[in-house]
PDB file of N, CA and C in Angstrom:
ATOM      1  N   MET A   1     -16.226 -22.105   2.160  1.00  0.00           N
ATOM      2  CA  MET A   1     -15.210 -22.653   3.086  1.00  0.00           C
ATOM      3  C   MET A   1     -13.955 -21.767   2.664  1.00  0.00           C
ATOM      4  N   GLU A   2     -13.344 -21.290   3.526  1.00  0.00           N
ATOM      5  CA  GLU A   2     -12.390 -20.253   3.269  1.00  0.00           C
ATOM      6  C   GLU A   2     -10.934 -21.090   3.074  1.00  0.00           C
ATOM      7  N   THR A   3     -10.211 -20.299   1.813  1.00  0.00           N
ATOM      8  CA  THR A   3      -9.391 -20.739   1.339  1.00  0.00           C
ATOM      9  C   THR A   3      -7.814 -20.285   2.164  1.00  0.00           C
ATOM     10  N   LEU A   4      -7.223 -21.740   2.446  1.00  0.00           N
ATOM     11  CA  LEU A   4      -5.935 -21.237   3.009  1.00  0.00           C
ATOM     12  C   LEU A   4      -4.860 -21.048   2.779  1.00  0.00           C
ATOM     13  N   PRO A   5      -3.863 -19.649   3.013  1.00  0.00           N
ATOM     14  CA  PRO A   5      -3.075 -18.916   2.181  1.00  0.00           C
ATOM     15  C   PRO A   5      -1.757 -19.757   2.208  1.00  0.00           C
ATOM     16  N   PHE A   6      -1.637 -21.142   2.148  1.00  0.00           N
ATOM     17  CA  PHE A   6      -0.487 -21.948   2.164  1.00  0.00           C
ATOM     18  C   PHE A   6      -0.964 -23.353   1.417  1.00  0.00           C
ATOM     19  N   ASN A   7       0.340 -24.295   1.319  1.00  0.00           N
ATOM     20  CA  ASN A   7       0.012 -25.718   0.769  1.00  0.00           C
ATOM     21  C   ASN A   7       0.590 -26.400   1.720  1.00  0.00           C
ATOM     22  N   GLU A   8       0.202 -27.522   1.899  1.00  0.00           N
ATOM     23  CA  GLU A   8       0.524 -28.276   3.319  1.00  0.00           C
ATOM     24  C   GLU A   8       0.426 -30.107   3.083  1.00  0.00           C
ATOM     25  N   ASN A   9       1.584 -30.156   3.532  1.00  0.00           N
ATOM     26  CA  ASN A   9       1.998 -31.786   3.561  1.00  0.00           C
ATOM     27  C   ASN A   9       1.516 -32.512   4.845  1.00  0.00           C
ATOM     28  N   ILE A  10       1.266 -33.310   5.219  1.00  0.00           N
ATOM     29  CA  ILE A  10       0.929 -34.109   6.553  1.00  0.00           C
ATOM     30  C   ILE A  10       1.534 -35.315   6.349  1.00  0.00           C
ATOM     31  N   ASN A  11       2.294 -35.374   7.798  1.00  0.00           N
ATOM     32  CA  ASN A  11       2.901 -36.707   8.221  1.00  0.00           C
ATOM     33  C   ASN A  11       2.803 -37.046   9.510  1.00  0.00           C
ATOM     34  N   GLY A  12       1.918 -37.501   9.907  1.00  0.00           N
ATOM     35  CA  GLY A  12       1.721 -37.761  11.539  1.00  0.00           C
ATOM     36  C   GLY A  12       0.902 -36.632  11.990  1.00  0.00           C
ATOM     37  N   ASN A  13       1.824 -36.285  13.301  1.00  0.00           N
ATOM     38  CA  ASN A  13       1.272 -35.297  13.753  1.00  0.00           C
ATOM     39  C   ASN A  13       2.415 -33.660  13.501  1.00  0.00           C
ATOM     40  N   VAL A  14       3.056 -33.938  12.399  1.00  0.00           N
ATOM     41  CA  VAL A  14       3.813 -32.817  11.490  1.00  0.00           C
ATOM     42  C   VAL A  14       3.314 -32.694  10.066  1.00  0.00           C
ATOM     43  N   ARG A  15       3.115 -31.397  10.162  1.00  0.00           N
ATOM     44  CA  ARG A  15       2.878 -30.481   9.019  1.00  0.00           C
ATOM     45  C   ARG A  15       3.863 -29.630   8.333  1.00  0.00           C
ATOM     46  N   THR A  16       4.167 -29.688   7.024  1.00  0.00           N
ATOM     47  CA  THR A  16       4.963 -28.855   6.494  1.00  0.00           C
ATOM     48  C   THR A  16       4.186 -27.990   5.661  1.00  0.00           C
ATOM     49  N   ARG A  17       4.303 -26.547   5.900  1.00  0.00           N
ATOM     50  CA  ARG A  17       3.588 -25.768   4.936  1.00  0.00           C
ATOM     51  C   ARG A  17       4.346 -24.573   4.225  1.00  0.00           C
ATOM     52  N   VAL A  18       3.803 -24.350   3.342  1.00  0.00           N
ATOM     53  CA  VAL A  18       4.470 -23.622   2.110  1.00  0.00           C
ATOM     54  C   VAL A  18       3.768 -22.295   2.065  1.00  0.00           C
ATOM     55  N   PHE A  19       4.280 -20.956   2.263  1.00  0.00           N
ATOM     56  CA  PHE A  19       3.253 -19.901   2.158  1.00  0.00           C
ATOM     57  C   PHE A  19       4.131 -19.276   0.763  1.00  0.00           C
ATOM     58  N   SER A  20       3.770 -19.007  -0.324  1.00  0.00           N
ATOM     59  CA  SER A  20       3.947 -18.567  -1.715  1.00  0.00           C
ATOM     60  C   SER A  20       4.400 -16.729  -1.184  1.00  0.00           C
ATOM     61  N   GLU A  21       5.822 -16.465  -1.855  1.00  0.00           N
ATOM     62  CA  GLU A  21       5.852 -15.288  -1.875  1.00  0.00           C
ATOM     63  C   GLU A  21       4.942 -14.398  -2.420  1.00  0.00           C
ATOM     64  N   LEU A  22       3.850 -14.980  -3.403  1.00  0.00           N
ATOM     65  CA  LEU A  22       2.594 -14.485  -4.091  1.00  0.00           C
ATOM     66  C   LEU A  22       1.413 -13.985  -3.301  1.00  0.00           C
ATOM     67  N   VAL A  23       1.556 -14.737  -2.115  1.00  0.00           N
ATOM     68  CA  VAL A  23       0.235 -14.482  -1.122  1.00  0.00           C
ATOM     69  C   VAL A  23       0.278 -12.877  -0.793  1.00  0.00           C
ATOM     70  N   ASP A  24      -1.010 -12.814  -1.011  1.00  0.00           N
ATOM     71  CA  ASP A  24      -1.442 -11.335  -0.492  1.00  0.00           C
ATOM     72  C   ASP A  24      -1.570 -11.043   0.819  1.00  0.00           C
ATOM     73  N   ASP A  25      -0.696  -9.958   1.423  1.00  0.00           N
ATOM     74  CA  ASP A  25      -0.830  -9.546   2.824  1.00  0.00           C
ATOM     75  C   ASP A  25      -1.894  -9.841   3.785  1.00  0.00           C
ATOM     76  N   SER A  26      -3.389  -9.602   2.901  1.00  0.00           N
ATOM     77  CA  SER A  26      -4.610  -9.547   3.503  1.00  0.00           C
ATOM     78  C   SER A  26      -5.119 -11.270   3.839  1.00  0.00           C
ATOM     79  N   GLU A  27      -4.371 -11.942   3.546  1.00  0.00           N
ATOM     80  CA  GLU A  27      -4.531 -13.410   3.617  1.00  0.00           C
ATOM     81  C   GLU A  27      -3.929 -13.917   4.768  1.00  0.00           C
ATOM     82  N   LEU A  28      -3.050 -13.301   5.412  1.00  0.00           N
ATOM     83  CA  LEU A  28      -2.007 -13.460   6.469  1.00  0.00           C
ATOM     84  C   LEU A  28      -2.616 -12.923   7.658  1.00  0.00           C
ATOM     85  N   LYS A  29      -3.992 -13.549   8.226  1.00  0.00           N
ATOM     86  CA  LYS A  29      -4.719 -12.758   9.280  1.00  0.00           C
ATOM     87  C   LYS A  29      -4.424 -13.529  10.545  1.00  0.00           C
ATOM     88  N   TRP A  30      -4.758 -12.580  11.626  1.00  0.00           N
ATOM     89  CA  TRP A  30      -4.349 -12.750  13.213  1.00  0.00           C
ATOM     90  C   TRP A  30      -5.500 -14.046  13.210  1.00  0.00           C
ATOM     91  N   HIS A  31      -5.152 -14.811  14.020  1.00  0.00           N
ATOM     92  CA  HIS A  31      -6.035 -16.150  14.352  1.00  0.00           C
ATOM     93  C   HIS A  31      -5.426 -16.915  15.263  1.00  0.00           C
ATOM     94  N   VAL A  32      -6.224 -17.640  16.036  1.00  0.00           N
ATOM     95  CA  VAL A  32      -6.291 -18.483  17.053  1.00  0.00           C
ATOM     96  C   VAL A  32      -6.156 -20.098  16.600  1.00  0.00           C
ATOM     97  N   ASP A  33      -5.595 -20.939  17.017  1.00  0.00           N
ATOM     98  CA  ASP A  33      -5.593 -22.432  16.933  1.00  0.00           C
ATOM     99  C   ASP A  33      -6.226 -23.128  18.127  1.00  0.00           C
ATOM    100  N   ASN A  34      -6.794 -24.382  17.821  1.00  0.00           N
ATOM    101  CA  ASN A  34      -7.497 -25.085  18.644  1.00  0.00           C
ATOM    102  C   ASN A  34      -6.404 -26.341  19.450  1.00  0.00           C
ATOM    103  N   GLU A  35      -5.290 -26.151  18.964  1.00  0.00           N
ATOM    104  CA  GLU A  35      -4.076 -27.084  19.786  1.00  0.00           C
ATOM    105  C   GLU A  35      -3.008 -26.392  19.981  1.00  0.00           C
ATOM    106  N   ASP A  36      -2.205 -26.984  20.896  1.00  0.00           N
ATOM    107  CA  ASP A  36      -0.745 -26.451  21.047  1.00  0.00           C
ATOM    108  C   ASP A  36       0.112 -26.862  19.790  1.00  0.00           C
ATOM    109  N   ARG A  37       0.909 -26.121  19.661  1.00  0.00           N
ATOM    110  CA  ARG A  37       1.667 -26.459  18.227  1.00  0.00           C
ATOM    111  C   ARG A  37       3.491 -25.735  18.364  1.00  0.00           C
ATOM    112  N   VAL A  38       4.336 -26.433  17.751  1.00  0.00           N
ATOM    113  CA  VAL A  38       5.675 -25.817  17.760  1.00  0.00           C
ATOM    114  C   VAL A  38       5.715 -25.755  16.453  1.00  0.00           C
ATOM    115  N   VAL A  39       6.135 -24.482  15.843  1.00  0.00           N
ATOM    116  CA  VAL A  39       6.617 -23.914  14.436  1.00  0.00           C
ATOM    117  C   VAL A  39       8.060 -23.776  14.222  1.00  0.00           C
ATOM    118  N   LYS A  40       8.658 -24.030  12.883  1.00  0.00           N
ATOM    119  CA  LYS A  40      10.027 -24.100  12.692  1.00  0.00           C
ATOM    120  C   LYS A  40      10.210 -23.706  11.530  1.00  0.00           C
ATOM    121  N   SER A  41      10.852 -22.537  11.076  1.00  0.00           N
ATOM    122  CA  SER A  41      11.232 -22.297   9.829  1.00  0.00           C
ATOM    123  C   SER A  41      12.566 -23.431   8.938  1.00  0.00           C
ATOM    124  N   LEU A  42      12.482 -23.901   7.973  1.00  0.00           N
ATOM    125  CA  LEU A  42      13.006 -24.962   7.131  1.00  0.00           C
ATOM    126  C   LEU A  42      14.066 -24.359   6.466  1.00  0.00           C
ATOM    127  N   HIS A  43      14.251 -22.711   6.738  1.00  0.00           N
ATOM    128  CA  HIS A  43      15.149 -22.456   5.808  1.00  0.00           C
ATOM    129  C   HIS A  43      15.242 -20.818   6.382  1.00  0.00           C
ATOM    130  N   GLU A  44      16.556 -20.299   5.733  1.00  0.00           N
ATOM    131  CA  GLU A  44      16.838 -18.657   6.104  1.00  0.00           C
ATOM    132  C   GLU A  44      15.926 -18.139   5.621  1.00  0.00           C
ATOM    133  N   THR A  45      14.965 -17.203   5.975  1.00  0.00           N
ATOM    134  CA  THR A  45      14.016 -16.090   5.646  1.00  0.00           C
ATOM    135  C   THR A  45      13.760 -14.895   6.538  1.00  0.00           C
ATOM    136  N   ASP A  46      13.241 -14.258   5.951  1.00  0.00           N
ATOM    137  CA  ASP A  46      12.968 -12.591   6.509  1.00  0.00           C
ATOM    138  C   ASP A  46      11.306 -12.382   7.176  1.00  0.00           C
ATOM    139  N   TRP A  47      10.643 -13.663   6.756  1.00  0.00           N
ATOM    140  CA  TRP A  47       9.188 -13.652   6.983  1.00  0.00           C
ATOM    141  C   TRP A  47       9.486 -13.629   8.596  1.00  0.00           C
ATOM    142  N   MET A  48       8.219 -13.297   9.486  1.00  0.00           N
ATOM    143  CA  MET A  48       8.136 -13.196  10.775  1.00  0.00           C
ATOM    144  C   MET A  48       6.860 -13.956  11.395  1.00  0.00           C
ATOM    145  N   ILE A  49       6.935 -13.886  12.860  1.00  0.00           N
ATOM    146  CA  ILE A  49       5.587 -14.526  12.914  1.00  0.00           C
ATOM    147  C   ILE A  49       5.599 -13.384  14.497  1.00  0.00           C
ATOM    148  N   GLN A  50       4.199 -13.198  14.734  1.00  0.00           N
ATOM    149  CA  GLN A  50       3.926 -12.033  15.272  1.00  0.00           C
ATOM    150  C   GLN A  50       2.658 -12.730  16.503  1.00  0.00           C
ATOM    151  N   PHE A  51       3.069 -12.618  18.030  1.00  0.00           N
ATOM    152  CA  PHE A  51       2.103 -12.983  19.056  1.00  0.00           C
ATOM    153  C   PHE A  51       1.121 -11.859  19.416  1.00  0.00           C
ATOM    154  N   ASP A  52       0.170 -12.179  19.934  1.00  0.00           N
ATOM    155  CA  ASP A  52      -0.805 -10.961  20.947  1.00  0.00           C
ATOM    156  C   ASP A  52       0.270 -10.110  21.612  1.00  0.00           C
ATOM    157  N   ASP A  53      -0.183  -8.782  21.521  1.00  0.00           N
ATOM    158  CA  ASP A  53       0.884  -7.957  22.431  1.00  0.00           C
ATOM    159  C   ASP A  53       2.458  -7.840  22.500  1.00  0.00           C
ATOM    160  N   GLU A  54       2.819  -8.519  21.242  1.00  0.00           N
ATOM    161  CA  GLU A  54       4.441  -8.640  21.346  1.00  0.00           C
ATOM    162  C   GLU A  54       4.869  -8.112  20.052  1.00  0.00           C
ATOM    163  N   LEU A  55       6.251  -7.764  19.982  1.00  0.00           N
ATOM    164  CA  LEU A  55       6.689  -7.440  18.600  1.00  0.00           C
ATOM    165  C   LEU A  55       6.838  -8.476  17.740  1.00  0.00           C
ATOM    166  N   PRO A  56       6.764  -8.540  16.552  1.00  0.00           N
ATOM    167  CA  PRO A  56       7.319  -9.321  15.794  1.00  0.00           C
ATOM    168  C   PRO A  56       8.732  -9.878  15.743  1.00  0.00           C
ATOM    169  N   GLU A  57       8.858 -11.363  15.645  1.00  0.00           N
ATOM    170  CA  GLU A  57      10.381 -11.836  15.443  1.00  0.00           C
ATOM    171  C   GLU A  57      10.563 -12.614  14.160  1.00  0.00           C
ATOM    172  N   VAL A  58      11.548 -12.515  13.540  1.00  0.00           N
ATOM    173  CA  VAL A  58      12.229 -13.043  12.554  1.00  0.00           C
ATOM    174  C   VAL A  58      11.954 -14.786  12.595  1.00  0.00           C
ATOM    175  N   LEU A  59      11.329 -15.468  11.675  1.00  0.00           N
ATOM    176  CA  LEU A  59      11.303 -16.959  12.052  1.00  0.00           C
ATOM    177  C   LEU A  59      12.640 -17.407  11.380  1.00  0.00           C
ATOM    178  N   GLU A  60      13.720 -17.349  12.647  1.00  0.00           N
ATOM    179  CA  GLU A  60      15.062 -17.876  12.075  1.00  0.00           C
ATOM    180  C   GLU A  60      14.953 -19.202  11.620  1.00  0.00           C
ATOM    181  N   GLU A  61      15.784 -19.650  10.970  1.00  0.00           N
ATOM    182  CA  GLU A  61      16.031 -21.153  10.407  1.00  0.00           C
ATOM    183  C   GLU A  61      16.117 -21.935  11.725  1.00  0.00           C
ATOM    184  N   GLY A  62      15.383 -22.923  11.817  1.00  0.00           N
ATOM    185  CA  GLY A  62      15.801 -24.137  12.812  1.00  0.00           C
ATOM    186  C   GLY A  62      15.084 -23.582  14.269  1.00  0.00           C
ATOM    187  N   LYS A  63      15.062 -22.189  14.386  1.00  0.00           N
ATOM    188  CA  LYS A  63      14.379 -21.749  15.875  1.00  0.00           C
ATOM    189  C   LYS A  63      12.899 -22.076  16.204  1.00  0.00           C
ATOM    190  N   GLU A  64      12.772 -22.706  17.134  1.00  0.00           N
ATOM    191  CA  GLU A  64      11.153 -23.186  17.558  1.00  0.00           C
ATOM    192  C   GLU A  64      10.531 -22.207  18.201  1.00  0.00           C
ATOM    193  N   PHE A  65       9.307 -21.922  17.969  1.00  0.00           N
ATOM    194  CA  PHE A  65       8.384 -20.761  18.229  1.00  0.00           C
ATOM    195  C   PHE A  65       7.050 -22.001  18.760  1.00  0.00           C
ATOM    196  N   PHE A  66       6.942 -21.703  20.241  1.00  0.00           N
ATOM    197  CA  PHE A  66       5.727 -22.457  20.664  1.00  0.00           C
ATOM    198  C   PHE A  66       4.528 -21.472  20.986  1.00  0.00           C
ATOM    199  N   ILE A  67       3.281 -22.169  20.368  1.00  0.00           N
ATOM    200  CA  ILE A  67       1.967 -21.212  20.162  1.00  0.00           C
ATOM    201  C   ILE A  67       1.115 -22.067  20.988  1.00  0.00           C
ATOM    202  N   PRO A  68       0.872 -21.781  22.041  1.00  0.00           N
ATOM    203  CA  PRO A  68      -0.136 -22.601  22.952  1.00  0.00           C
ATOM    204  C   PRO A  68      -1.778 -22.293  22.183  1.00  0.00           C
ATOM    205  N   LYS A  69      -2.508 -23.235  22.460  1.00  0.00           N
ATOM    206  CA  LYS A  69      -3.871 -23.182  21.539  1.00  0.00           C
ATOM    207  C   LYS A  69      -4.552 -21.722  22.175  1.00  0.00           C
ATOM    208  N   GLY A  70      -5.358 -20.785  21.499  1.00  0.00           N
ATOM    209  CA  GLY A  70      -6.167 -19.901  22.115  1.00  0.00           C
ATOM    210  C   GLY A  70      -5.150 -18.673  21.961  1.00  0.00           C
ATOM    211  N   LEU A  71      -3.993 -18.791  21.645  1.00  0.00           N
ATOM    212  CA  LEU A  71      -3.125 -17.524  21.763  1.00  0.00           C
ATOM    213  C   LEU A  71      -3.007 -16.558  20.155  1.00  0.00           C
ATOM    214  N   TYR A  72      -3.861 -15.389  20.130  1.00  0.00           N
ATOM    215  CA  TYR A  72      -3.525 -14.870  18.728  1.00  0.00           C
ATOM    216  C   TYR A  72      -2.151 -14.596  18.166  1.00  0.00           C
ATOM    217  N   HIS A  73      -2.308 -14.744  17.004  1.00  0.00           N
ATOM    218  CA  HIS A  73      -0.717 -15.133  16.289  1.00  0.00           C
ATOM    219  C   HIS A  73      -0.800 -14.627  15.128  1.00  0.00           C
ATOM    220  N   ARG A  74       0.114 -14.265  14.239  1.00  0.00           N
ATOM    221  CA  ARG A  74      -0.074 -14.106  12.364  1.00  0.00           C
ATOM    222  C   ARG A  74       1.358 -14.386  12.152  1.00  0.00           C
ATOM    223  N   VAL A  75       1.454 -14.567  10.601  1.00  0.00           N
ATOM    224  CA  VAL A  75       2.637 -14.409  10.085  1.00  0.00           C
ATOM    225  C   VAL A  75       2.347 -13.478   9.015  1.00  0.00           C
ATOM    226  N   ILE A  76       3.939 -12.584   9.127  1.00  0.00           N
ATOM    227  CA  ILE A  76       4.048 -11.324   8.485  1.00  0.00           C
ATOM    228  C   ILE A  76       4.958 -11.707   7.122  1.00  0.00           C
ATOM    229  N   LYS A  77       4.695 -11.302   6.291  1.00  0.00           N
ATOM    230  CA  LYS A  77       5.111 -11.746   4.883  1.00  0.00           C
ATOM    231  C   LYS A  77       6.725 -11.038   4.820  1.00  0.00           C
ATOM    232  N   GLY A  78       7.486 -11.982   4.286  1.00  0.00           N
ATOM    233  CA  GLY A  78       8.977 -11.175   3.892  1.00  0.00           C
ATOM    234  C   GLY A  78       9.062 -11.779   2.489  1.00  0.00           C
ATOM    235  N   ASN A  79      10.356 -11.805   1.796  1.00  0.00           N
ATOM    236  CA  ASN A  79      10.926 -12.270   0.516  1.00  0.00           C
ATOM    237  C   ASN A  79      10.931 -13.737   0.362  1.00  0.00           C
ATOM    238  N   GLY A  80      10.399 -13.730  -0.901  1.00  0.00           N
ATOM    239  CA  GLY A  80      10.454 -15.388  -1.061  1.00  0.00           C
ATOM    240  C   GLY A  80       9.456 -16.293  -0.597  1.00  0.00           C
ATOM    241  N   ASP A  81       9.455 -17.164  -1.032  1.00  0.00           N
ATOM    242  CA  ASP A  81       8.203 -18.468  -0.085  1.00  0.00           C
ATOM    243  C   ASP A  81       9.082 -18.651   1.265  1.00  0.00           C
ATOM    244  N   LEU A  82       8.168 -19.044   1.872  1.00  0.00           N
ATOM    245  CA  LEU A  82       8.337 -19.449   3.407  1.00  0.00           C
ATOM    246  C   LEU A  82       7.392 -20.747   3.508  1.00  0.00           C
ATOM    247  N   LYS A  83       8.904 -21.793   4.260  1.00  0.00           N
ATOM    248  CA  LYS A  83       8.477 -23.195   4.268  1.00  0.00           C
ATOM    249  C   LYS A  83       8.661 -23.354   5.807  1.00  0.00           C
ATOM    250  N   VAL A  84       7.644 -23.569   6.411  1.00  0.00           N
ATOM    251  CA  VAL A  84       7.858 -24.044   7.937  1.00  0.00           C
ATOM    252  C   VAL A  84       7.232 -25.546   8.262  1.00  0.00           C
ATOM    253  N   SER A  85       7.669 -26.262   9.657  1.00  0.00           N
ATOM    254  CA  SER A  85       7.263 -27.390  10.075  1.00  0.00           C
ATOM    255  C   SER A  85       6.228 -26.998  11.231  1.00  0.00           C
ATOM    256  N   ILE A  86       5.297 -27.568  11.382  1.00  0.00           N
ATOM    257  CA  ILE A  86       4.490 -27.372  12.449  1.00  0.00           C
ATOM    258  C   ILE A  86       4.376 -28.996  12.910  1.00  0.00           C
ATOM    259  N   LYS A  87       4.547 -28.708  14.412  1.00  0.00           N
ATOM    260  CA  LYS A  87       4.506 -30.041  15.239  1.00  0.00           C
ATOM    261  C   LYS A  87       3.365 -29.883  16.322  1.00  0.00           C
ATOM    262  N   PHE A  88       2.054 -30.891  16.326  1.00  0.00           N
ATOM    263  CA  PHE A  88       1.257 -30.815  17.359  1.00  0.00           C
ATOM    264  C   PHE A  88       1.722 -31.601  18.263  1.00  0.00           C
ATOM    265  N   VAL A  89       1.568 -30.798  19.576  1.00  0.00           N
ATOM    266  CA  VAL A  89       2.181 -31.208  20.980  1.00  0.00           C
ATOM    267  C   VAL A  89       0.848 -31.341  21.646  1.00  0.00           C
TER     268      VAL A  89
END
């Protein structure tokens, strides 16, 4: 079983994930998910999200990013830890 690059708390259909600033860049891989979701940063950060065939975008605090199932995407490491909420829709 593959180790995930974050710690996670689950509350209903919302998950809070924390990516450590110590995570190795190689662990932040392109991937797809099996369900639609909305991702939102819970604090100011310079970490980014990138979708297939698009330029990376900063995970601005409070800005929601819709990720449809099957869309390739990845997180790009910034400074400090990253804390996001993920709502399954």
